[in-house]
Amino acid sequence: MAMLAGAEHTTGYTHTCKTLLEKSQAKLVNFTNMVISLGKDDPRRVIHSFKVGLALILISILQYFRPSFYAFGDNIMWAVLTVVLVLEFSVGE
């Protein structure tokens, strides 16, 4: 099959990478816009999500460096993480 003069060859690795990057960028922009609109509607939810993320990071780091739940096993760690994730920001109201 002969290619027309001036027509671009749009198949192959470079086209796939370009398409993947464009789709990824579009998804990132949509996600950013969604987070911005969520923050404008209720800033407490965004703040709460950062607090939960920080708590999970701290618990994971502390568990990694100094496992203090030898008597209870690993299940207690999963119980703590589950409680942190399940609690809503409005529980104490």
PDB file of N, CA and C in Angstrom:
ATOM      1  N   MET A   1       0.845  -1.164   0.000  1.00  0.00           N
ATOM      2  CA  MET A   1       0.000   0.000   0.000  1.00  0.00           C
ATOM      3  C   MET A   1       0.894   1.231   0.000  1.00  0.00           C
ATOM      4  N   ALA A   2       0.705   2.086  -0.923  1.00  0.00           N
ATOM      5  CA  ALA A   2       1.533   3.281  -1.065  1.00  0.00           C
ATOM      6  C   ALA A   2       0.930   4.413  -0.245  1.00  0.00           C
ATOM      7  N   MET A   3       1.804   5.195   0.371  1.00  0.00           N
ATOM      8  CA  MET A   3       1.363   6.317   1.176  1.00  0.00           C
ATOM      9  C   MET A   3       1.275   7.556   0.292  1.00  0.00           C
ATOM     10  N   LEU A   4       0.235   8.339   0.481  1.00  0.00           N
ATOM     11  CA  LEU A   4       0.057   9.557  -0.287  1.00  0.00           C
ATOM     12  C   LEU A   4       1.112  10.584   0.096  1.00  0.00           C
ATOM     13  N   ALA A   5       1.506  11.381  -0.860  1.00  0.00           N
ATOM     14  CA  ALA A   5       2.487  12.427  -0.596  1.00  0.00           C
ATOM     15  C   ALA A   5       1.875  13.481   0.309  1.00  0.00           C
ATOM     16  N   GLY A   6       2.581  13.830   1.360  1.00  0.00           N
ATOM     17  CA  GLY A   6       2.092  14.848   2.279  1.00  0.00           C
ATOM     18  C   GLY A   6       1.238  14.282   3.402  1.00  0.00           C
ATOM     19  N   ALA A   7       0.834  13.028   3.306  1.00  0.00           N
ATOM     20  CA  ALA A   7       0.035  12.425   4.373  1.00  0.00           C
ATOM     21  C   ALA A   7       0.974  11.968   5.476  1.00  0.00           C
ATOM     22  N   GLU A   8       0.530  12.142   6.709  1.00  0.00           N
ATOM     23  CA  GLU A   8       1.350  11.747   7.843  1.00  0.00           C
ATOM     24  C   GLU A   8       1.078  10.298   8.204  1.00  0.00           C
ATOM     25  N   HIS A   9       2.108   9.632   8.626  1.00  0.00           N
ATOM     26  CA  HIS A   9       1.982   8.255   9.088  1.00  0.00           C
ATOM     27  C   HIS A   9       1.615   8.308  10.571  1.00  0.00           C
ATOM     28  N   THR A  10       0.392   7.900  10.927  1.00  0.00           N
ATOM     29  CA  THR A  10      -0.113   8.103  12.284  1.00  0.00           C
ATOM     30  C   THR A  10      -0.179   6.822  13.096  1.00  0.00           C
ATOM     31  N   THR A  11       0.522   5.803  12.694  1.00  0.00           N
ATOM     32  CA  THR A  11       0.538   4.594  13.498  1.00  0.00           C
ATOM     33  C   THR A  11       1.941   4.377  14.008  1.00  0.00           C
ATOM     34  N   GLY A  12       2.037   3.615  15.045  1.00  0.00           N
ATOM     35  CA  GLY A  12       3.351   3.297  15.570  1.00  0.00           C
ATOM     36  C   GLY A  12       3.540   3.785  16.988  1.00  0.00           C
ATOM     37  N   TYR A  13       4.755   3.633  17.437  1.00  0.00           N
ATOM     38  CA  TYR A  13       5.106   3.912  18.819  1.00  0.00           C
ATOM     39  C   TYR A  13       4.953   5.389  19.180  1.00  0.00           C
ATOM     40  N   THR A  14       5.410   6.287  18.335  1.00  0.00           N
ATOM     41  CA  THR A  14       5.352   7.710  18.670  1.00  0.00           C
ATOM     42  C   THR A  14       3.918   8.211  18.735  1.00  0.00           C
ATOM     43  N   HIS A  15       3.083   7.715  17.843  1.00  0.00           N
ATOM     44  CA  HIS A  15       1.671   8.115  17.879  1.00  0.00           C
ATOM     45  C   HIS A  15       1.009   7.586  19.145  1.00  0.00           C
ATOM     46  N   THR A  16       1.326   6.358  19.521  1.00  0.00           N
ATOM     47  CA  THR A  16       0.745   5.770  20.725  1.00  0.00           C
ATOM     48  C   THR A  16       1.168   6.551  21.953  1.00  0.00           C
ATOM     49  N   CYS A  17       2.441   6.910  22.044  1.00  0.00           N
ATOM     50  CA  CYS A  17       2.931   7.686  23.180  1.00  0.00           C
ATOM     51  C   CYS A  17       2.285   9.066  23.226  1.00  0.00           C
ATOM     52  N   LYS A  18       2.163   9.698  22.067  1.00  0.00           N
ATOM     53  CA  LYS A  18       1.557  11.028  22.004  1.00  0.00           C
ATOM     54  C   LYS A  18       0.092  10.962  22.441  1.00  0.00           C
ATOM     55  N   THR A  19      -0.627   9.965  21.967  1.00  0.00           N
ATOM     56  CA  THR A  19      -2.029   9.805  22.348  1.00  0.00           C
ATOM     57  C   THR A  19      -2.158   9.525  23.840  1.00  0.00           C
ATOM     58  N   LEU A  20      -1.286   8.684  24.368  1.00  0.00           N
ATOM     59  CA  LEU A  20      -1.310   8.364  25.792  1.00  0.00           C
ATOM     60  C   LEU A  20      -1.039   9.606  26.630  1.00  0.00           C
ATOM     61  N   LEU A  21      -0.074  10.415  26.224  1.00  0.00           N
ATOM     62  CA  LEU A  21       0.232  11.641  26.955  1.00  0.00           C
ATOM     63  C   LEU A  21      -0.928  12.637  26.897  1.00  0.00           C
ATOM     64  N   GLU A  22      -1.556  12.751  25.753  1.00  0.00           N
ATOM     65  CA  GLU A  22      -2.695  13.667  25.625  1.00  0.00           C
ATOM     66  C   GLU A  22      -3.857  13.221  26.503  1.00  0.00           C
ATOM     67  N   LYS A  23      -4.132  11.919  26.520  1.00  0.00           N
ATOM     68  CA  LYS A  23      -5.213  11.409  27.364  1.00  0.00           C
ATOM     69  C   LYS A  23      -4.889  11.587  28.839  1.00  0.00           C
ATOM     70  N   SER A  24      -3.639  11.342  29.211  1.00  0.00           N
ATOM     71  CA  SER A  24      -3.235  11.505  30.604  1.00  0.00           C
ATOM     72  C   SER A  24      -3.351  12.959  31.034  1.00  0.00           C
ATOM     73  N   GLN A  25      -2.944  13.865  30.169  1.00  0.00           N
ATOM     74  CA  GLN A  25      -3.042  15.283  30.481  1.00  0.00           C
ATOM     75  C   GLN A  25      -4.504  15.703  30.627  1.00  0.00           C
ATOM     76  N   ALA A  26      -5.361  15.205  29.771  1.00  0.00           N
ATOM     77  CA  ALA A  26      -6.784  15.546  29.859  1.00  0.00           C
ATOM     78  C   ALA A  26      -7.388  15.019  31.161  1.00  0.00           C
ATOM     79  N   LYS A  27      -7.017  13.806  31.552  1.00  0.00           N
ATOM     80  CA  LYS A  27      -7.523  13.249  32.809  1.00  0.00           C
ATOM     81  C   LYS A  27      -7.016  14.037  34.003  1.00  0.00           C
ATOM     82  N   LEU A  28      -5.761  14.466  33.968  1.00  0.00           N
ATOM     83  CA  LEU A  28      -5.194  15.251  35.056  1.00  0.00           C
ATOM     84  C   LEU A  28      -5.892  16.599  35.170  1.00  0.00           C
ATOM     85  N   VAL A  29      -6.172  17.227  34.048  1.00  0.00           N
ATOM     86  CA  VAL A  29      -6.878  18.513  34.066  1.00  0.00           C
ATOM     87  C   VAL A  29      -8.288  18.334  34.613  1.00  0.00           C
ATOM     88  N   ASN A  30      -8.985  17.275  34.197  1.00  0.00           N
ATOM     89  CA  ASN A  30     -10.339  17.018  34.706  1.00  0.00           C
ATOM     90  C   ASN A  30     -10.320  16.761  36.209  1.00  0.00           C
ATOM     91  N   PHE A  31      -9.333  15.986  36.685  1.00  0.00           N
ATOM     92  CA  PHE A  31      -9.235  15.691  38.106  1.00  0.00           C
ATOM     93  C   PHE A  31      -8.939  16.961  38.899  1.00  0.00           C
ATOM     94  N   THR A  32      -8.040  17.792  38.377  1.00  0.00           N
ATOM     95  CA  THR A  32      -7.705  19.048  39.049  1.00  0.00           C
ATOM     96  C   THR A  32      -8.923  19.967  39.132  1.00  0.00           C
ATOM     97  N   ASN A  33      -9.668  20.055  38.058  1.00  0.00           N
ATOM     98  CA  ASN A  33     -10.888  20.880  38.074  1.00  0.00           C
ATOM     99  C   ASN A  33     -11.909  20.338  39.061  1.00  0.00           C
ATOM    100  N   MET A  34     -12.023  19.010  39.162  1.00  0.00           N
ATOM    101  CA  MET A  34     -12.954  18.404  40.103  1.00  0.00           C
ATOM    102  C   MET A  34     -12.545  18.712  41.540  1.00  0.00           C
ATOM    103  N   VAL A  35     -11.245  18.632  41.847  1.00  0.00           N
ATOM    104  CA  VAL A  35     -10.766  18.922  43.196  1.00  0.00           C
ATOM    105  C   VAL A  35     -10.972  20.392  43.531  1.00  0.00           C
ATOM    106  N   ILE A  36     -10.737  21.269  42.580  1.00  0.00           N
ATOM    107  CA  ILE A  36     -10.938  22.706  42.814  1.00  0.00           C
ATOM    108  C   ILE A  36     -12.404  23.002  43.085  1.00  0.00           C
ATOM    109  N   SER A  37     -13.307  22.416  42.306  1.00  0.00           N
ATOM    110  CA  SER A  37     -14.740  22.656  42.549  1.00  0.00           C
ATOM    111  C   SER A  37     -15.187  22.048  43.870  1.00  0.00           C
ATOM    112  N   LEU A  38     -14.624  20.893  44.236  1.00  0.00           N
ATOM    113  CA  LEU A  38     -14.950  20.287  45.523  1.00  0.00           C
ATOM    114  C   LEU A  38     -14.448  21.166  46.665  1.00  0.00           C
ATOM    115  N   GLY A  39     -13.263  21.727  46.518  1.00  0.00           N
ATOM    116  CA  GLY A  39     -12.715  22.612  47.536  1.00  0.00           C
ATOM    117  C   GLY A  39     -13.512  23.891  47.696  1.00  0.00           C
ATOM    118  N   LYS A  40     -14.078  24.384  46.604  1.00  0.00           N
ATOM    119  CA  LYS A  40     -14.906  25.590  46.689  1.00  0.00           C
ATOM    120  C   LYS A  40     -16.241  25.286  47.350  1.00  0.00           C
ATOM    121  N   ASP A  41     -16.803  24.097  47.071  1.00  0.00           N
ATOM    122  CA  ASP A  41     -18.090  23.728  47.653  1.00  0.00           C
ATOM    123  C   ASP A  41     -17.977  23.485  49.154  1.00  0.00           C
ATOM    124  N   ASP A  42     -17.000  22.684  49.571  1.00  0.00           N
ATOM    125  CA  ASP A  42     -16.846  22.350  50.988  1.00  0.00           C
ATOM    126  C   ASP A  42     -15.371  22.152  51.304  1.00  0.00           C
ATOM    127  N   PRO A  43     -14.688  23.194  51.742  1.00  0.00           N
ATOM    128  CA  PRO A  43     -13.253  23.077  51.998  1.00  0.00           C
ATOM    129  C   PRO A  43     -12.918  22.114  53.132  1.00  0.00           C
ATOM    130  N   ARG A  44     -13.882  21.831  54.017  1.00  0.00           N
ATOM    131  CA  ARG A  44     -13.611  20.906  55.120  1.00  0.00           C
ATOM    132  C   ARG A  44     -13.296  19.504  54.611  1.00  0.00           C
ATOM    133  N   ARG A  45     -13.919  19.101  53.530  1.00  0.00           N
ATOM    134  CA  ARG A  45     -13.670  17.764  52.990  1.00  0.00           C
ATOM    135  C   ARG A  45     -12.256  17.624  52.465  1.00  0.00           C
ATOM    136  N   VAL A  46     -11.756  18.658  51.817  1.00  0.00           N
ATOM    137  CA  VAL A  46     -10.389  18.623  51.296  1.00  0.00           C
ATOM    138  C   VAL A  46      -9.395  18.607  52.451  1.00  0.00           C
ATOM    139  N   ILE A  47      -9.633  19.444  53.463  1.00  0.00           N
ATOM    140  CA  ILE A  47      -8.751  19.472  54.626  1.00  0.00           C
ATOM    141  C   ILE A  47      -8.766  18.119  55.331  1.00  0.00           C
ATOM    142  N   HIS A  48      -9.958  17.542  55.471  1.00  0.00           N
ATOM    143  CA  HIS A  48     -10.067  16.238  56.109  1.00  0.00           C
ATOM    144  C   HIS A  48      -9.325  15.162  55.323  1.00  0.00           C
ATOM    145  N   SER A  49      -9.400  15.199  54.017  1.00  0.00           N
ATOM    146  CA  SER A  49      -8.706  14.188  53.223  1.00  0.00           C
ATOM    147  C   SER A  49      -7.193  14.309  53.380  1.00  0.00           C
ATOM    148  N   PHE A  50      -6.678  15.543  53.488  1.00  0.00           N
ATOM    149  CA  PHE A  50      -5.249  15.710  53.747  1.00  0.00           C
ATOM    150  C   PHE A  50      -4.869  15.187  55.128  1.00  0.00           C
ATOM    151  N   LYS A  51      -5.734  15.413  56.123  1.00  0.00           N
ATOM    152  CA  LYS A  51      -5.456  14.912  57.469  1.00  0.00           C
ATOM    153  C   LYS A  51      -5.456  13.383  57.498  1.00  0.00           C
ATOM    154  N   VAL A  52      -6.401  12.760  56.829  1.00  0.00           N
ATOM    155  CA  VAL A  52      -6.442  11.300  56.785  1.00  0.00           C
ATOM    156  C   VAL A  52      -5.228  10.749  56.064  1.00  0.00           C
ATOM    157  N   GLY A  53      -4.846  11.375  54.966  1.00  0.00           N
ATOM    158  CA  GLY A  53      -3.656  10.940  54.248  1.00  0.00           C
ATOM    159  C   GLY A  53      -2.403  11.059  55.100  1.00  0.00           C
ATOM    160  N   LEU A  54      -2.286  12.158  55.833  1.00  0.00           N
ATOM    161  CA  LEU A  54      -1.147  12.340  56.725  1.00  0.00           C
ATOM    162  C   LEU A  54      -1.142  11.297  57.834  1.00  0.00           C
ATOM    163  N   ALA A  55      -2.320  11.002  58.396  1.00  0.00           N
ATOM    164  CA  ALA A  55      -2.405   9.985  59.447  1.00  0.00           C
ATOM    165  C   ALA A  55      -1.991   8.616  58.919  1.00  0.00           C
ATOM    166  N   LEU A  56      -2.435   8.267  57.730  1.00  0.00           N
ATOM    167  CA  LEU A  56      -2.058   6.973  57.153  1.00  0.00           C
ATOM    168  C   LEU A  56      -0.561   6.895  56.882  1.00  0.00           C
ATOM    169  N   ILE A  57       0.008   7.971  56.400  1.00  0.00           N
ATOM    170  CA  ILE A  57       1.455   7.986  56.153  1.00  0.00           C
ATOM    171  C   ILE A  57       2.229   7.830  57.457  1.00  0.00           C
ATOM    172  N   LEU A  58       1.820   8.576  58.493  1.00  0.00           N
ATOM    173  CA  LEU A  58       2.521   8.486  59.774  1.00  0.00           C
ATOM    174  C   LEU A  58       2.400   7.095  60.395  1.00  0.00           C
ATOM    175  N   ILE A  59       1.209   6.508  60.356  1.00  0.00           N
ATOM    176  CA  ILE A  59       1.019   5.166  60.906  1.00  0.00           C
ATOM    177  C   ILE A  59       1.863   4.156  60.149  1.00  0.00           C
ATOM    178  N   SER A  60       1.890   4.268  58.847  1.00  0.00           N
ATOM    179  CA  SER A  60       2.673   3.325  58.043  1.00  0.00           C
ATOM    180  C   SER A  60       4.168   3.467  58.322  1.00  0.00           C
ATOM    181  N   ILE A  61       4.651   4.701  58.428  1.00  0.00           N
ATOM    182  CA  ILE A  61       6.073   4.920  58.700  1.00  0.00           C
ATOM    183  C   ILE A  61       6.436   4.412  60.088  1.00  0.00           C
ATOM    184  N   LEU A  62       5.608   4.728  61.090  1.00  0.00           N
ATOM    185  CA  LEU A  62       5.891   4.253  62.445  1.00  0.00           C
ATOM    186  C   LEU A  62       5.870   2.730  62.516  1.00  0.00           C
ATOM    187  N   GLN A  63       4.935   2.109  61.829  1.00  0.00           N
ATOM    188  CA  GLN A  63       4.856   0.653  61.827  1.00  0.00           C
ATOM    189  C   GLN A  63       6.065   0.054  61.118  1.00  0.00           C
ATOM    190  N   TYR A  64       6.546   0.702  60.107  1.00  0.00           N
ATOM    191  CA  TYR A  64       7.693   0.188  59.354  1.00  0.00           C
ATOM    192  C   TYR A  64       8.978   0.260  60.182  1.00  0.00           C
ATOM    193  N   PHE A  65       9.195   1.392  60.864  1.00  0.00           N
ATOM    194  CA  PHE A  65      10.432   1.569  61.603  1.00  0.00           C
ATOM    195  C   PHE A  65      10.413   0.914  62.989  1.00  0.00           C
ATOM    196  N   ARG A  66       9.266   0.922  63.653  1.00  0.00           N
ATOM    197  CA  ARG A  66       9.200   0.382  65.006  1.00  0.00           C
ATOM    198  C   ARG A  66       7.882  -0.372  65.186  1.00  0.00           C
ATOM    199  N   PRO A  67       7.837  -1.621  64.753  1.00  0.00           N
ATOM    200  CA  PRO A  67       6.594  -2.373  64.925  1.00  0.00           C
ATOM    201  C   PRO A  67       6.324  -2.626  66.400  1.00  0.00           C
ATOM    202  N   SER A  68       5.279  -2.023  66.918  1.00  0.00           N
ATOM    203  CA  SER A  68       4.978  -2.109  68.343  1.00  0.00           C
ATOM    204  C   SER A  68       3.783  -3.003  68.642  1.00  0.00           C
ATOM    205  N   PHE A  69       3.290  -3.691  67.641  1.00  0.00           N
ATOM    206  CA  PHE A  69       2.111  -4.513  67.853  1.00  0.00           C
ATOM    207  C   PHE A  69       2.441  -5.996  67.784  1.00  0.00           C
ATOM    208  N   TYR A  70       3.570  -6.384  68.358  1.00  0.00           N
ATOM    209  CA  TYR A  70       3.962  -7.794  68.309  1.00  0.00           C
ATOM    210  C   TYR A  70       2.967  -8.679  69.056  1.00  0.00           C
ATOM    211  N   ALA A  71       2.417  -8.195  70.164  1.00  0.00           N
ATOM    212  CA  ALA A  71       1.501  -9.012  70.962  1.00  0.00           C
ATOM    213  C   ALA A  71       0.178  -9.254  70.235  1.00  0.00           C
ATOM    214  N   PHE A  72      -0.247  -8.310  69.413  1.00  0.00           N
ATOM    215  CA  PHE A  72      -1.537  -8.420  68.741  1.00  0.00           C
ATOM    216  C   PHE A  72      -1.432  -8.968  67.328  1.00  0.00           C
ATOM    217  N   GLY A  73      -0.284  -8.896  66.744  1.00  0.00           N
ATOM    218  CA  GLY A  73      -0.117  -9.359  65.373  1.00  0.00           C
ATOM    219  C   GLY A  73      -0.390  -8.245  64.373  1.00  0.00           C
ATOM    220  N   ASP A  74      -0.433  -8.622  63.122  1.00  0.00           N
ATOM    221  CA  ASP A  74      -0.643  -7.636  62.057  1.00  0.00           C
ATOM    222  C   ASP A  74      -2.092  -7.193  61.937  1.00  0.00           C
ATOM    223  N   ASN A  75      -3.013  -7.947  62.488  1.00  0.00           N
ATOM    224  CA  ASN A  75      -4.432  -7.602  62.337  1.00  0.00           C
ATOM    225  C   ASN A  75      -4.781  -6.289  63.023  1.00  0.00           C
ATOM    226  N   ILE A  76      -4.112  -5.972  64.117  1.00  0.00           N
ATOM    227  CA  ILE A  76      -4.416  -4.719  64.802  1.00  0.00           C
ATOM    228  C   ILE A  76      -4.059  -3.512  63.941  1.00  0.00           C
ATOM    229  N   MET A  77      -3.007  -3.653  63.157  1.00  0.00           N
ATOM    230  CA  MET A  77      -2.615  -2.551  62.271  1.00  0.00           C
ATOM    231  C   MET A  77      -3.677  -2.316  61.208  1.00  0.00           C
ATOM    232  N   TRP A  78      -4.206  -3.397  60.638  1.00  0.00           N
ATOM    233  CA  TRP A  78      -5.262  -3.255  59.637  1.00  0.00           C
ATOM    234  C   TRP A  78      -6.531  -2.699  60.266  1.00  0.00           C
ATOM    235  N   ALA A  79      -6.789  -3.030  61.528  1.00  0.00           N
ATOM    236  CA  ALA A  79      -7.967  -2.485  62.212  1.00  0.00           C
ATOM    237  C   ALA A  79      -7.837  -0.977  62.389  1.00  0.00           C
ATOM    238  N   VAL A  80      -6.655  -0.519  62.774  1.00  0.00           N
ATOM    239  CA  VAL A  80      -6.437   0.925  62.936  1.00  0.00           C
ATOM    240  C   VAL A  80      -6.596   1.639  61.603  1.00  0.00           C
ATOM    241  N   LEU A  81      -5.995   1.104  60.554  1.00  0.00           N
ATOM    242  CA  LEU A  81      -6.116   1.731  59.236  1.00  0.00           C
ATOM    243  C   LEU A  81      -7.565   1.758  58.758  1.00  0.00           C
ATOM    244  N   THR A  82      -8.304   0.693  59.013  1.00  0.00           N
ATOM    245  CA  THR A  82      -9.706   0.648  58.597  1.00  0.00           C
ATOM    246  C   THR A  82     -10.531   1.697  59.323  1.00  0.00           C
ATOM    247  N   VAL A  83     -10.327   1.838  60.627  1.00  0.00           N
ATOM    248  CA  VAL A  83     -11.078   2.837  61.389  1.00  0.00           C
ATOM    249  C   VAL A  83     -10.759   4.237  60.896  1.00  0.00           C
ATOM    250  N   VAL A  84      -9.504   4.500  60.604  1.00  0.00           N
ATOM    251  CA  VAL A  84      -9.127   5.826  60.109  1.00  0.00           C
ATOM    252  C   VAL A  84      -9.786   6.099  58.768  1.00  0.00           C
ATOM    253  N   LEU A  85      -9.840   5.102  57.896  1.00  0.00           N
ATOM    254  CA  LEU A  85     -10.416   5.309  56.571  1.00  0.00           C
ATOM    255  C   LEU A  85     -11.932   5.421  56.599  1.00  0.00           C
ATOM    256  N   VAL A  86     -12.585   4.701  57.494  1.00  0.00           N
ATOM    257  CA  VAL A  86     -14.047   4.661  57.490  1.00  0.00           C
ATOM    258  C   VAL A  86     -14.648   5.913  58.117  1.00  0.00           C
ATOM    259  N   LEU A  87     -13.962   6.496  59.092  1.00  0.00           N
ATOM    260  CA  LEU A  87     -14.530   7.663  59.785  1.00  0.00           C
ATOM    261  C   LEU A  87     -14.714   8.839  58.840  1.00  0.00           C
ATOM    262  N   GLU A  88     -15.824   9.485  58.963  1.00  0.00           N
ATOM    263  CA  GLU A  88     -16.112  10.675  58.158  1.00  0.00           C
ATOM    264  C   GLU A  88     -15.657  11.910  58.916  1.00  0.00           C
ATOM    265  N   PHE A  89     -15.525  13.015  58.223  1.00  0.00           N
ATOM    266  CA  PHE A  89     -15.093  14.260  58.859  1.00  0.00           C
ATOM    267  C   PHE A  89     -16.193  14.847  59.729  1.00  0.00           C
ATOM    268  N   SER A  90     -17.428  14.392  59.546  1.00  0.00           N
ATOM    269  CA  SER A  90     -18.536  14.961  60.289  1.00  0.00           C
ATOM    270  C   SER A  90     -18.985  14.079  61.456  1.00  0.00           C
ATOM    271  N   VAL A  91     -18.200  13.101  61.856  1.00  0.00           N
ATOM    272  CA  VAL A  91     -18.595  12.185  62.922  1.00  0.00           C
ATOM    273  C   VAL A  91     -18.733  12.928  64.247  1.00  0.00           C
ATOM    274  N   GLY A  92     -17.846  13.861  64.522  1.00  0.00           N
ATOM    275  CA  GLY A  92     -17.867  14.542  65.812  1.00  0.00           C
ATOM    276  C   GLY A  92     -18.886  15.659  65.945  1.00  0.00           C
ATOM    277  N   GLU A  93     -19.670  15.898  64.926  1.00  0.00           N
ATOM    278  CA  GLU A  93     -20.626  17.019  64.995  1.00  0.00           C
ATOM    279  C   GLU A  93     -21.865  16.666  65.748  1.00  0.00           C
TER     280      GLU A  93
END
